[in-house]
Amino acid sequence: LELQPAGSRRMAAADFLNGYDIADGDVFE
């Protein structure tokens, strides 16, 4: 999770809660 900036991690978290479309695994890397 240290590969992405805090902003990207927040966006990924939001996408995860809203439908999880863009972060196709980046959240778990």
Protein backbone atom coordinates (compact mmCIF):
# COMPACT_ATOMS: atom_id res chain seq x y z
CA LEU A 1 0.00 0.00 0.00
CA GLU A 2 3.07 2.24 0.16
CA LEU A 3 3.32 2.31 -3.63
CA GLN A 4 0.53 4.84 -4.00
CA PRO A 5 0.23 8.43 -2.70
CA ALA A 6 -2.26 9.09 0.09
CA GLY A 7 -4.62 10.74 -2.42
CA SER A 8 -4.65 7.70 -4.67
CA ARG A 9 -5.23 5.40 -1.71
CA ARG A 10 -8.20 7.51 -0.65
CA MET A 11 -9.66 7.40 -4.16
CA ALA A 12 -9.16 3.64 -4.27
CA ALA A 13 -10.94 3.27 -0.93
CA ALA A 14 -13.83 5.41 -2.18
CA ASP A 15 -14.06 3.34 -5.38
CA PHE A 16 -14.00 0.17 -3.30
CA LEU A 17 -17.02 1.37 -1.33
CA ASN A 18 -18.82 2.78 -4.37
CA GLY A 19 -18.41 -0.17 -6.70
CA TYR A 20 -14.70 -0.97 -7.02
CA ASP A 21 -14.14 -0.47 -10.73
CA ILE A 22 -10.86 1.37 -11.32
CA ALA A 23 -8.63 0.02 -8.54
CA ASP A 24 -8.64 -3.47 -10.02
CA GLY A 25 -6.34 -4.85 -7.35
CA ASP A 26 -4.13 -1.82 -6.74
CA VAL A 27 -5.68 -1.55 -3.29
CA PHE A 28 -4.43 -5.02 -2.36
CA GLU A 29 -0.95 -4.72 -3.89
